[in-house]
Full PDB file with SEQRES, HELIX, SHEET, SSBOND, CRYST1, ORIGX, SCALE, CONECT and MASTER records, all heavy atoms in Angstrom:
SEQRES   1 A   37  GLN LYS LEU GLY LEU SER SER GLY ASP GLN GLN ALA VAL          
SEQRES   2 A   37  MET GLU ALA GLN THR ASP ALA VAL THR THR VAL SER LEU          
SEQRES   3 A   37  PRO THR TYR GLY SER TYR ARG VAL ILE ALA HIS                  
HELIX    1 AA1 SER A    7  VAL A   13  1                                   7    
SHEET    1 AA1 2 THR A  22  LEU A  26  0                                        
SHEET    2 AA1 2 GLY A  30  VAL A  34 -1                                        
CRYST1    1.000    1.000    1.000  90.00  90.00  90.00 P 1           1          
ORIGX1      1.000000  0.000000  0.000000        0.00000                         
ORIGX2      0.000000  1.000000  0.000000        0.00000                         
ORIGX3      0.000000  0.000000  1.000000        0.00000                         
SCALE1      1.000000  0.000000  0.000000        0.00000                         
SCALE2      0.000000  1.000000  0.000000        0.00000                         
SCALE3      0.000000  0.000000  1.000000        0.00000                         
ATOM      1  N   GLN A   1      96.665   8.998  58.102  1.00  0.00           N  
ATOM      2  CA  GLN A   1      95.217   8.927  57.869  1.00  0.00           C  
ATOM      3  C   GLN A   1      95.024   8.338  56.485  1.00  0.00           C  
ATOM      4  O   GLN A   1      95.790   8.518  55.518  1.00  0.00           O  
ATOM      5  CB  GLN A   1      94.688  10.381  57.731  1.00  0.00           C  
ATOM      6  CG  GLN A   1      94.755  11.020  59.170  1.00  0.00           C  
ATOM      7  CD  GLN A   1      94.340  12.517  59.075  1.00  0.00           C  
ATOM      8  OE1 GLN A   1      94.214  13.055  57.956  1.00  0.00           O  
ATOM      9  NE2 GLN A   1      94.080  13.082  60.196  1.00  0.00           N  
ATOM     10  N   LYS A   2      93.911   7.571  56.399  1.00  0.00           N  
ATOM     11  CA  LYS A   2      93.487   6.851  55.166  1.00  0.00           C  
ATOM     12  C   LYS A   2      92.589   7.718  54.364  1.00  0.00           C  
ATOM     13  O   LYS A   2      91.532   7.923  54.843  1.00  0.00           O  
ATOM     14  CB  LYS A   2      92.977   5.495  55.430  1.00  0.00           C  
ATOM     15  CG  LYS A   2      94.061   4.494  56.052  1.00  0.00           C  
ATOM     16  CD  LYS A   2      93.281   3.138  56.318  1.00  0.00           C  
ATOM     17  CE  LYS A   2      94.281   2.177  56.996  1.00  0.00           C  
ATOM     18  NZ  LYS A   2      93.683   0.887  57.228  1.00  0.00           N  
ATOM     19  N   LEU A   3      92.915   7.982  53.161  1.00  0.00           N  
ATOM     20  CA  LEU A   3      92.062   8.823  52.267  1.00  0.00           C  
ATOM     21  C   LEU A   3      91.566   7.994  51.133  1.00  0.00           C  
ATOM     22  O   LEU A   3      92.365   7.303  50.537  1.00  0.00           O  
ATOM     23  CB  LEU A   3      92.740  10.075  51.760  1.00  0.00           C  
ATOM     24  CG  LEU A   3      93.440  11.059  52.811  1.00  0.00           C  
ATOM     25  CD1 LEU A   3      94.227  12.044  52.078  1.00  0.00           C  
ATOM     26  CD2 LEU A   3      92.485  11.477  53.762  1.00  0.00           C  
ATOM     27  N   GLY A   4      90.290   8.098  50.966  1.00  0.00           N  
ATOM     28  CA  GLY A   4      89.731   7.184  49.830  1.00  0.00           C  
ATOM     29  C   GLY A   4      90.019   7.701  48.452  1.00  0.00           C  
ATOM     30  O   GLY A   4      90.436   8.768  48.259  1.00  0.00           O  
ATOM     31  N   LEU A   5      89.788   6.835  47.549  1.00  0.00           N  
ATOM     32  CA  LEU A   5      90.029   7.044  46.114  1.00  0.00           C  
ATOM     33  C   LEU A   5      88.803   7.361  45.432  1.00  0.00           C  
ATOM     34  O   LEU A   5      87.740   6.792  45.655  1.00  0.00           O  
ATOM     35  CB  LEU A   5      90.762   5.949  45.398  1.00  0.00           C  
ATOM     36  CG  LEU A   5      92.024   5.387  45.917  1.00  0.00           C  
ATOM     37  CD1 LEU A   5      92.480   4.222  45.113  1.00  0.00           C  
ATOM     38  CD2 LEU A   5      93.030   6.591  45.895  1.00  0.00           C  
ATOM     39  N   SER A   6      88.809   8.338  44.488  1.00  0.00           N  
ATOM     40  CA  SER A   6      87.542   8.791  43.729  1.00  0.00           C  
ATOM     41  C   SER A   6      87.417   7.687  42.706  1.00  0.00           C  
ATOM     42  O   SER A   6      88.327   6.786  42.450  1.00  0.00           O  
ATOM     43  CB  SER A   6      87.797  10.179  43.183  1.00  0.00           C  
ATOM     44  OG  SER A   6      88.774  10.097  42.246  1.00  0.00           O  
ATOM     45  N   SER A   7      86.329   7.825  42.004  1.00  0.00           N  
ATOM     46  CA  SER A   7      86.036   6.750  40.977  1.00  0.00           C  
ATOM     47  C   SER A   7      87.011   6.869  39.840  1.00  0.00           C  
ATOM     48  O   SER A   7      87.435   5.952  39.239  1.00  0.00           O  
ATOM     49  CB  SER A   7      84.632   7.080  40.380  1.00  0.00           C  
ATOM     50  OG  SER A   7      84.420   8.338  39.905  1.00  0.00           O  
ATOM     51  N   GLY A   8      87.354   8.225  39.608  1.00  0.00           N  
ATOM     52  CA  GLY A   8      88.439   8.397  38.480  1.00  0.00           C  
ATOM     53  C   GLY A   8      89.706   7.737  38.942  1.00  0.00           C  
ATOM     54  O   GLY A   8      90.554   7.160  38.148  1.00  0.00           O  
ATOM     55  N   ASP A   9      90.116   7.901  40.306  1.00  0.00           N  
ATOM     56  CA  ASP A   9      91.374   7.327  40.792  1.00  0.00           C  
ATOM     57  C   ASP A   9      91.230   5.855  40.750  1.00  0.00           C  
ATOM     58  O   ASP A   9      92.278   5.137  40.368  1.00  0.00           O  
ATOM     59  CB  ASP A   9      91.589   7.762  42.176  1.00  0.00           C  
ATOM     60  CG  ASP A   9      91.760   9.279  42.336  1.00  0.00           C  
ATOM     61  OD1 ASP A   9      92.230   9.853  41.352  1.00  0.00           O  
ATOM     62  OD2 ASP A   9      91.532   9.877  43.429  1.00  0.00           O  
ATOM     63  N   GLN A  10      90.191   5.316  41.018  1.00  0.00           N  
ATOM     64  CA  GLN A  10      90.053   3.851  40.996  1.00  0.00           C  
ATOM     65  C   GLN A  10      90.167   3.284  39.599  1.00  0.00           C  
ATOM     66  O   GLN A  10      90.647   2.182  39.374  1.00  0.00           O  
ATOM     67  CB  GLN A  10      88.655   3.468  41.634  1.00  0.00           C  
ATOM     68  CG  GLN A  10      88.480   3.794  43.159  1.00  0.00           C  
ATOM     69  CD  GLN A  10      87.233   3.354  43.635  1.00  0.00           C  
ATOM     70  OE1 GLN A  10      86.421   2.610  43.089  1.00  0.00           O  
ATOM     71  NE2 GLN A  10      86.775   3.945  44.784  1.00  0.00           N  
ATOM     72  N   GLN A  11      89.512   3.963  38.688  1.00  0.00           N  
ATOM     73  CA  GLN A  11      89.661   3.563  37.256  1.00  0.00           C  
ATOM     74  C   GLN A  11      91.113   3.601  36.840  1.00  0.00           C  
ATOM     75  O   GLN A  11      91.540   2.596  36.011  1.00  0.00           O  
ATOM     76  CB  GLN A  11      88.813   4.610  36.325  1.00  0.00           C  
ATOM     77  CG  GLN A  11      88.599   3.925  34.944  1.00  0.00           C  
ATOM     78  CD  GLN A  11      87.569   2.679  34.948  1.00  0.00           C  
ATOM     79  OE1 GLN A  11      86.780   2.660  35.982  1.00  0.00           O  
ATOM     80  NE2 GLN A  11      87.590   1.876  34.034  1.00  0.00           N  
ATOM     81  N   ALA A  12      91.900   4.570  37.227  1.00  0.00           N  
ATOM     82  CA  ALA A  12      93.301   4.654  36.860  1.00  0.00           C  
ATOM     83  C   ALA A  12      94.129   3.540  37.550  1.00  0.00           C  
ATOM     84  O   ALA A  12      94.977   2.982  36.902  1.00  0.00           O  
ATOM     85  CB  ALA A  12      93.831   6.046  37.148  1.00  0.00           C  
ATOM     86  N   VAL A  13      93.712   3.301  38.715  1.00  0.00           N  
ATOM     87  CA  VAL A  13      94.421   2.112  39.503  1.00  0.00           C  
ATOM     88  C   VAL A  13      94.260   0.802  38.979  1.00  0.00           C  
ATOM     89  O   VAL A  13      95.250   0.071  38.952  1.00  0.00           O  
ATOM     90  CB  VAL A  13      94.069   2.222  40.994  1.00  0.00           C  
ATOM     91  CG1 VAL A  13      94.522   0.959  41.819  1.00  0.00           C  
ATOM     92  CG2 VAL A  13      94.594   3.477  41.696  1.00  0.00           C  
ATOM     93  N   MET A  14      93.249   0.545  38.505  1.00  0.00           N  
ATOM     94  CA  MET A  14      92.893  -0.789  37.865  1.00  0.00           C  
ATOM     95  C   MET A  14      93.699  -1.077  36.596  1.00  0.00           C  
ATOM     96  O   MET A  14      93.741  -2.117  36.167  1.00  0.00           O  
ATOM     97  CB  MET A  14      91.362  -1.001  37.542  1.00  0.00           C  
ATOM     98  CG  MET A  14      90.650  -1.146  38.928  1.00  0.00           C  
ATOM     99  SD  MET A  14      88.848  -1.657  38.765  1.00  0.00           S  
ATOM    100  CE  MET A  14      88.196  -0.166  37.838  1.00  0.00           C  
ATOM    101  N   GLU A  15      94.250  -0.101  35.941  1.00  0.00           N  
ATOM    102  CA  GLU A  15      95.107  -0.272  34.840  1.00  0.00           C  
ATOM    103  C   GLU A  15      96.427  -0.687  35.194  1.00  0.00           C  
ATOM    104  O   GLU A  15      97.323  -0.840  34.323  1.00  0.00           O  
ATOM    105  CB  GLU A  15      95.210   1.155  34.104  1.00  0.00           C  
ATOM    106  CG  GLU A  15      93.983   1.619  33.561  1.00  0.00           C  
ATOM    107  CD  GLU A  15      94.023   2.918  32.853  1.00  0.00           C  
ATOM    108  OE1 GLU A  15      95.267   3.441  32.847  1.00  0.00           O  
ATOM    109  OE2 GLU A  15      93.013   3.478  32.267  1.00  0.00           O  
ATOM    110  N   ALA A  16      96.739  -0.743  36.495  1.00  0.00           N  
ATOM    111  CA  ALA A  16      98.111  -1.309  36.911  1.00  0.00           C  
ATOM    112  C   ALA A  16      98.330  -2.660  36.394  1.00  0.00           C  
ATOM    113  O   ALA A  16      97.419  -3.598  36.325  1.00  0.00           O  
ATOM    114  CB  ALA A  16      98.225  -1.309  38.398  1.00  0.00           C  
ATOM    115  N   GLN A  17      99.568  -3.088  35.956  1.00  0.00           N  
ATOM    116  CA  GLN A  17      99.995  -4.300  35.451  1.00  0.00           C  
ATOM    117  C   GLN A  17     100.543  -5.207  36.546  1.00  0.00           C  
ATOM    118  O   GLN A  17     101.130  -4.782  37.513  1.00  0.00           O  
ATOM    119  CB  GLN A  17     101.037  -4.138  34.312  1.00  0.00           C  
ATOM    120  CG  GLN A  17     100.641  -3.360  33.149  1.00  0.00           C  
ATOM    121  CD  GLN A  17     101.749  -3.286  32.017  1.00  0.00           C  
ATOM    122  OE1 GLN A  17     102.646  -3.947  32.108  1.00  0.00           O  
ATOM    123  NE2 GLN A  17     101.460  -2.436  31.115  1.00  0.00           N  
ATOM    124  N   THR A  18     100.206  -6.524  36.371  1.00  0.00           N  
ATOM    125  CA  THR A  18     100.710  -7.495  37.368  1.00  0.00           C  
ATOM    126  C   THR A  18     102.180  -7.720  37.271  1.00  0.00           C  
ATOM    127  O   THR A  18     102.737  -7.962  36.208  1.00  0.00           O  
ATOM    128  CB  THR A  18      99.850  -8.838  37.129  1.00  0.00           C  
ATOM    129  OG1 THR A  18      98.434  -8.517  37.297  1.00  0.00           O  
ATOM    130  CG2 THR A  18     100.146  -9.886  38.277  1.00  0.00           C  
ATOM    131  N   ASP A  19     102.800  -7.690  38.377  1.00  0.00           N  
ATOM    132  CA  ASP A  19     104.332  -7.846  38.568  1.00  0.00           C  
ATOM    133  C   ASP A  19     105.076  -6.976  37.570  1.00  0.00           C  
ATOM    134  O   ASP A  19     106.141  -7.359  37.177  1.00  0.00           O  
ATOM    135  CB  ASP A  19     104.603  -9.357  38.116  1.00  0.00           C  
ATOM    136  CG  ASP A  19     103.916 -10.370  39.110  1.00  0.00           C  
ATOM    137  OD1 ASP A  19     103.668  -9.973  40.308  1.00  0.00           O  
ATOM    138  OD2 ASP A  19     103.602 -11.369  38.783  1.00  0.00           O  
ATOM    139  N   ALA A  20     104.547  -5.843  37.307  1.00  0.00           N  
ATOM    140  CA  ALA A  20     105.308  -4.849  36.517  1.00  0.00           C  
ATOM    141  C   ALA A  20     104.982  -3.477  36.997  1.00  0.00           C  
ATOM    142  O   ALA A  20     103.781  -3.136  37.317  1.00  0.00           O  
ATOM    143  CB  ALA A  20     104.999  -5.021  35.058  1.00  0.00           C  
ATOM    144  N   VAL A  21     106.092  -2.634  37.108  1.00  0.00           N  
ATOM    145  CA  VAL A  21     105.906  -1.331  37.736  1.00  0.00           C  
ATOM    146  C   VAL A  21     105.628  -0.433  36.555  1.00  0.00           C  
ATOM    147  O   VAL A  21     106.343  -0.347  35.521  1.00  0.00           O  
ATOM    148  CB  VAL A  21     107.231  -0.780  38.359  1.00  0.00           C  
ATOM    149  CG1 VAL A  21     106.965   0.629  38.936  1.00  0.00           C  
ATOM    150  CG2 VAL A  21     107.535  -1.817  39.513  1.00  0.00           C  
ATOM    151  N   THR A  22     104.641   0.366  36.719  1.00  0.00           N  
ATOM    152  CA  THR A  22     104.152   1.419  35.704  1.00  0.00           C  
ATOM    153  C   THR A  22     103.803   2.662  36.383  1.00  0.00           C  
ATOM    154  O   THR A  22     103.730   2.661  37.667  1.00  0.00           O  
ATOM    155  CB  THR A  22     102.924   0.869  34.888  1.00  0.00           C  
ATOM    156  OG1 THR A  22     101.790   0.593  35.874  1.00  0.00           O  
ATOM    157  CG2 THR A  22     103.274  -0.456  33.995  1.00  0.00           C  
ATOM    158  N   THR A  23     103.541   3.623  35.568  1.00  0.00           N  
ATOM    159  CA  THR A  23     103.107   4.951  36.127  1.00  0.00           C  
ATOM    160  C   THR A  23     101.832   5.236  35.726  1.00  0.00           C  
ATOM    161  O   THR A  23     101.430   5.165  34.586  1.00  0.00           O  
ATOM    162  CB  THR A  23     104.141   6.050  35.570  1.00  0.00           C  
ATOM    163  OG1 THR A  23     105.484   5.770  35.902  1.00  0.00           O  
ATOM    164  CG2 THR A  23     103.807   7.450  36.075  1.00  0.00           C  
ATOM    165  N   VAL A  24     101.020   5.757  36.595  1.00  0.00           N  
ATOM    166  CA  VAL A  24      99.573   6.031  36.432  1.00  0.00           C  
ATOM    167  C   VAL A  24      99.462   7.451  37.049  1.00  0.00           C  
ATOM    168  O   VAL A  24     100.147   7.826  37.956  1.00  0.00           O  
ATOM    169  CB  VAL A  24      98.626   5.099  36.897  1.00  0.00           C  
ATOM    170  CG1 VAL A  24      98.708   3.741  36.355  1.00  0.00           C  
ATOM    171  CG2 VAL A  24      98.764   4.903  38.347  1.00  0.00           C  
ATOM    172  N   SER A  25      98.436   8.139  36.501  1.00  0.00           N  
ATOM    173  CA  SER A  25      98.090   9.507  36.851  1.00  0.00           C  
ATOM    174  C   SER A  25      96.726   9.477  37.548  1.00  0.00           C  
ATOM    175  O   SER A  25      95.667   9.166  36.884  1.00  0.00           O  
ATOM    176  CB  SER A  25      98.110  10.431  35.833  1.00  0.00           C  
ATOM    177  OG  SER A  25      97.859  11.668  36.226  1.00  0.00           O  
ATOM    178  N   LEU A  26      96.736   9.790  38.890  1.00  0.00           N  
ATOM    179  CA  LEU A  26      95.450   9.770  39.590  1.00  0.00           C  
ATOM    180  C   LEU A  26      95.022  11.224  39.515  1.00  0.00           C  
ATOM    181  O   LEU A  26      95.670  12.102  39.968  1.00  0.00           O  
ATOM    182  CB  LEU A  26      95.672   9.354  40.984  1.00  0.00           C  
ATOM    183  CG  LEU A  26      96.348   8.014  41.279  1.00  0.00           C  
ATOM    184  CD1 LEU A  26      96.342   7.663  42.706  1.00  0.00           C  
ATOM    185  CD2 LEU A  26      95.510   6.801  40.459  1.00  0.00           C  
ATOM    186  N   PRO A  27      93.721  11.462  39.030  1.00  0.00           N  
ATOM    187  CA  PRO A  27      93.186  12.904  38.972  1.00  0.00           C  
ATOM    188  C   PRO A  27      93.234  13.538  40.277  1.00  0.00           C  
ATOM    189  O   PRO A  27      93.467  14.854  40.355  1.00  0.00           O  
ATOM    190  CB  PRO A  27      91.780  12.655  38.491  1.00  0.00           C  
ATOM    191  CG  PRO A  27      91.742  11.241  37.896  1.00  0.00           C  
ATOM    192  CD  PRO A  27      92.658  10.393  38.585  1.00  0.00           C  
ATOM    193  N   THR A  28      93.104  12.843  41.412  1.00  0.00           N  
ATOM    194  CA  THR A  28      93.107  13.588  42.724  1.00  0.00           C  
ATOM    195  C   THR A  28      94.457  13.684  43.291  1.00  0.00           C  
ATOM    196  O   THR A  28      94.780  14.763  43.931  1.00  0.00           O  
ATOM    197  CB  THR A  28      92.223  12.761  43.726  1.00  0.00           C  
ATOM    198  OG1 THR A  28      90.954  12.652  43.107  1.00  0.00           O  
ATOM    199  CG2 THR A  28      92.076  13.531  45.020  1.00  0.00           C  
ATOM    200  N   TYR A  29      95.386  12.746  43.145  1.00  0.00           N  
ATOM    201  CA  TYR A  29      96.530  12.743  43.946  1.00  0.00           C  
ATOM    202  C   TYR A  29      97.878  12.793  42.936  1.00  0.00           C  
ATOM    203  O   TYR A  29      98.961  12.772  43.616  1.00  0.00           O  
ATOM    204  CB  TYR A  29      96.646  11.426  44.726  1.00  0.00           C  
ATOM    205  CG  TYR A  29      95.578  11.294  45.705  1.00  0.00           C  
ATOM    206  CD1 TYR A  29      94.564  10.451  45.436  1.00  0.00           C  
ATOM    207  CD2 TYR A  29      95.422  11.999  46.897  1.00  0.00           C  
ATOM    208  CE1 TYR A  29      93.440  10.245  46.375  1.00  0.00           C  
ATOM    209  CE2 TYR A  29      94.472  11.950  47.733  1.00  0.00           C  
ATOM    210  CZ  TYR A  29      93.321  10.986  47.483  1.00  0.00           C  
ATOM    211  OH  TYR A  29      92.412  10.921  48.437  1.00  0.00           O  
ATOM    212  N   GLY A  30      97.768  12.808  41.701  1.00  0.00           N  
ATOM    213  CA  GLY A  30      98.935  13.058  40.834  1.00  0.00           C  
ATOM    214  C   GLY A  30      99.456  11.728  40.345  1.00  0.00           C  
ATOM    215  O   GLY A  30      98.915  10.644  40.393  1.00  0.00           O  
ATOM    216  N   SER A  31     100.797  11.815  40.017  1.00  0.00           N  
ATOM    217  CA  SER A  31     101.384  10.597  39.435  1.00  0.00           C  
ATOM    218  C   SER A  31     101.911   9.611  40.462  1.00  0.00           C  
ATOM    219  O   SER A  31     102.366  10.007  41.601  1.00  0.00           O  
ATOM    220  CB  SER A  31     102.714  11.122  38.649  1.00  0.00           C  
ATOM    221  OG  SER A  31     102.215  11.906  37.531  1.00  0.00           O  
ATOM    222  N   TYR A  32     101.693   8.476  40.241  1.00  0.00           N  
ATOM    223  CA  TYR A  32     102.130   7.324  41.109  1.00  0.00           C  
ATOM    224  C   TYR A  32     102.760   6.181  40.316  1.00  0.00           C  
ATOM    225  O   TYR A  32     102.429   5.872  39.139  1.00  0.00           O  
ATOM    226  CB  TYR A  32     100.793   6.578  41.717  1.00  0.00           C  
ATOM    227  CG  TYR A  32     100.469   7.324  43.046  1.00  0.00           C  
ATOM    228  CD1 TYR A  32      99.854   8.562  43.035  1.00  0.00           C  
ATOM    229  CD2 TYR A  32     100.774   6.695  44.264  1.00  0.00           C  
ATOM    230  CE1 TYR A  32      99.531   9.144  44.171  1.00  0.00           C  
ATOM    231  CE2 TYR A  32     100.352   7.387  45.514  1.00  0.00           C  
ATOM    232  CZ  TYR A  32      99.777   8.566  45.448  1.00  0.00           C  
ATOM    233  OH  TYR A  32      99.420   9.188  46.592  1.00  0.00           O  
ATOM    234  N   ARG A  33     103.757   5.514  40.872  1.00  0.00           N  
ATOM    235  CA  ARG A  33     104.265   4.299  40.303  1.00  0.00           C  
ATOM    236  C   ARG A  33     103.540   3.194  41.071  1.00  0.00           C  
ATOM    237  O   ARG A  33     103.584   3.194  42.303  1.00  0.00           O  
ATOM    238  CB  ARG A  33     105.864   4.205  40.649  1.00  0.00           C  
ATOM    239  CG  ARG A  33     106.681   5.318  40.093  1.00  0.00           C  
ATOM    240  CD  ARG A  33     106.912   5.013  38.509  1.00  0.00           C  
ATOM    241  NE  ARG A  33     107.752   3.981  38.329  1.00  0.00           N  
ATOM    242  CZ  ARG A  33     108.192   3.632  37.088  1.00  0.00           C  
ATOM    243  NH1 ARG A  33     107.562   4.036  36.038  1.00  0.00           N  
ATOM    244  NH2 ARG A  33     109.022   2.551  36.881  1.00  0.00           N  
ATOM    245  N   VAL A  34     103.023   2.270  40.163  1.00  0.00           N  
ATOM    246  CA  VAL A  34     102.126   1.192  40.836  1.00  0.00           C  
ATOM    247  C   VAL A  34     102.493  -0.156  40.290  1.00  0.00           C  
ATOM    248  O   VAL A  34     103.253  -0.206  39.219  1.00  0.00           O  
ATOM    249  CB  VAL A  34     100.627   1.441  40.409  1.00  0.00           C  
ATOM    250  CG1 VAL A  34     100.120   2.656  41.088  1.00  0.00           C  
ATOM    251  CG2 VAL A  34     100.452   1.502  38.902  1.00  0.00           C  
ATOM    252  N   ILE A  35     102.277  -1.164  41.185  1.00  0.00           N  
ATOM    253  CA  ILE A  35     102.516  -2.528  40.813  1.00  0.00           C  
ATOM    254  C   ILE A  35     101.394  -3.456  41.433  1.00  0.00           C  
ATOM    255  O   ILE A  35     100.871  -3.123  42.400  1.00  0.00           O  
ATOM    256  CB  ILE A  35     103.920  -3.112  41.245  1.00  0.00           C  
ATOM    257  CG1 ILE A  35     104.193  -4.335  40.756  1.00  0.00           C  
ATOM    258  CG2 ILE A  35     104.002  -2.960  42.750  1.00  0.00           C  
ATOM    259  CD1 ILE A  35     105.729  -4.844  40.908  1.00  0.00           C  
ATOM    260  N   ALA A  36     101.013  -4.515  40.676  1.00  0.00           N  
ATOM    261  CA  ALA A  36      99.948  -5.375  41.234  1.00  0.00           C  
ATOM    262  C   ALA A  36     100.458  -6.805  41.382  1.00  0.00           C  
ATOM    263  O   ALA A  36     101.317  -7.294  40.571  1.00  0.00           O  
ATOM    264  CB  ALA A  36      98.862  -5.360  40.244  1.00  0.00           C  
ATOM    265  N   HIS A  37     100.078  -7.444  42.470  1.00  0.00           N  
ATOM    266  CA  HIS A  37     100.516  -8.942  42.722  1.00  0.00           C  
ATOM    267  C   HIS A  37      99.141  -9.600  42.856  1.00  0.00           C  
ATOM    268  O   HIS A  37      98.174  -9.258  43.385  1.00  0.00           O  
ATOM    269  CB  HIS A  37     101.210  -8.967  44.022  1.00  0.00           C  
ATOM    270  CG  HIS A  37     102.663  -8.537  43.996  1.00  0.00           C  
ATOM    271  ND1 HIS A  37     103.600  -9.075  43.062  1.00  0.00           N  
ATOM    272  CD2 HIS A  37     103.314  -7.511  44.562  1.00  0.00           C  
ATOM    273  CE1 HIS A  37     104.667  -8.404  43.201  1.00  0.00           C  
ATOM    274  NE2 HIS A  37     104.619  -7.491  44.038  1.00  0.00           N  
TER     275      HIS A  37                                                      
MASTER        0    0    0    1    2    0    0    6  274    1    0    3          
END                                                                             
């Protein structure tokens, strides 16, 4: 199932760096390793 992101989660997601893996903390879902292309 697809679950939507809250505004706080979206704000944290947009901090992801392009072509680099970083760790962000989503208020709703916890810690994630993210990367942007």
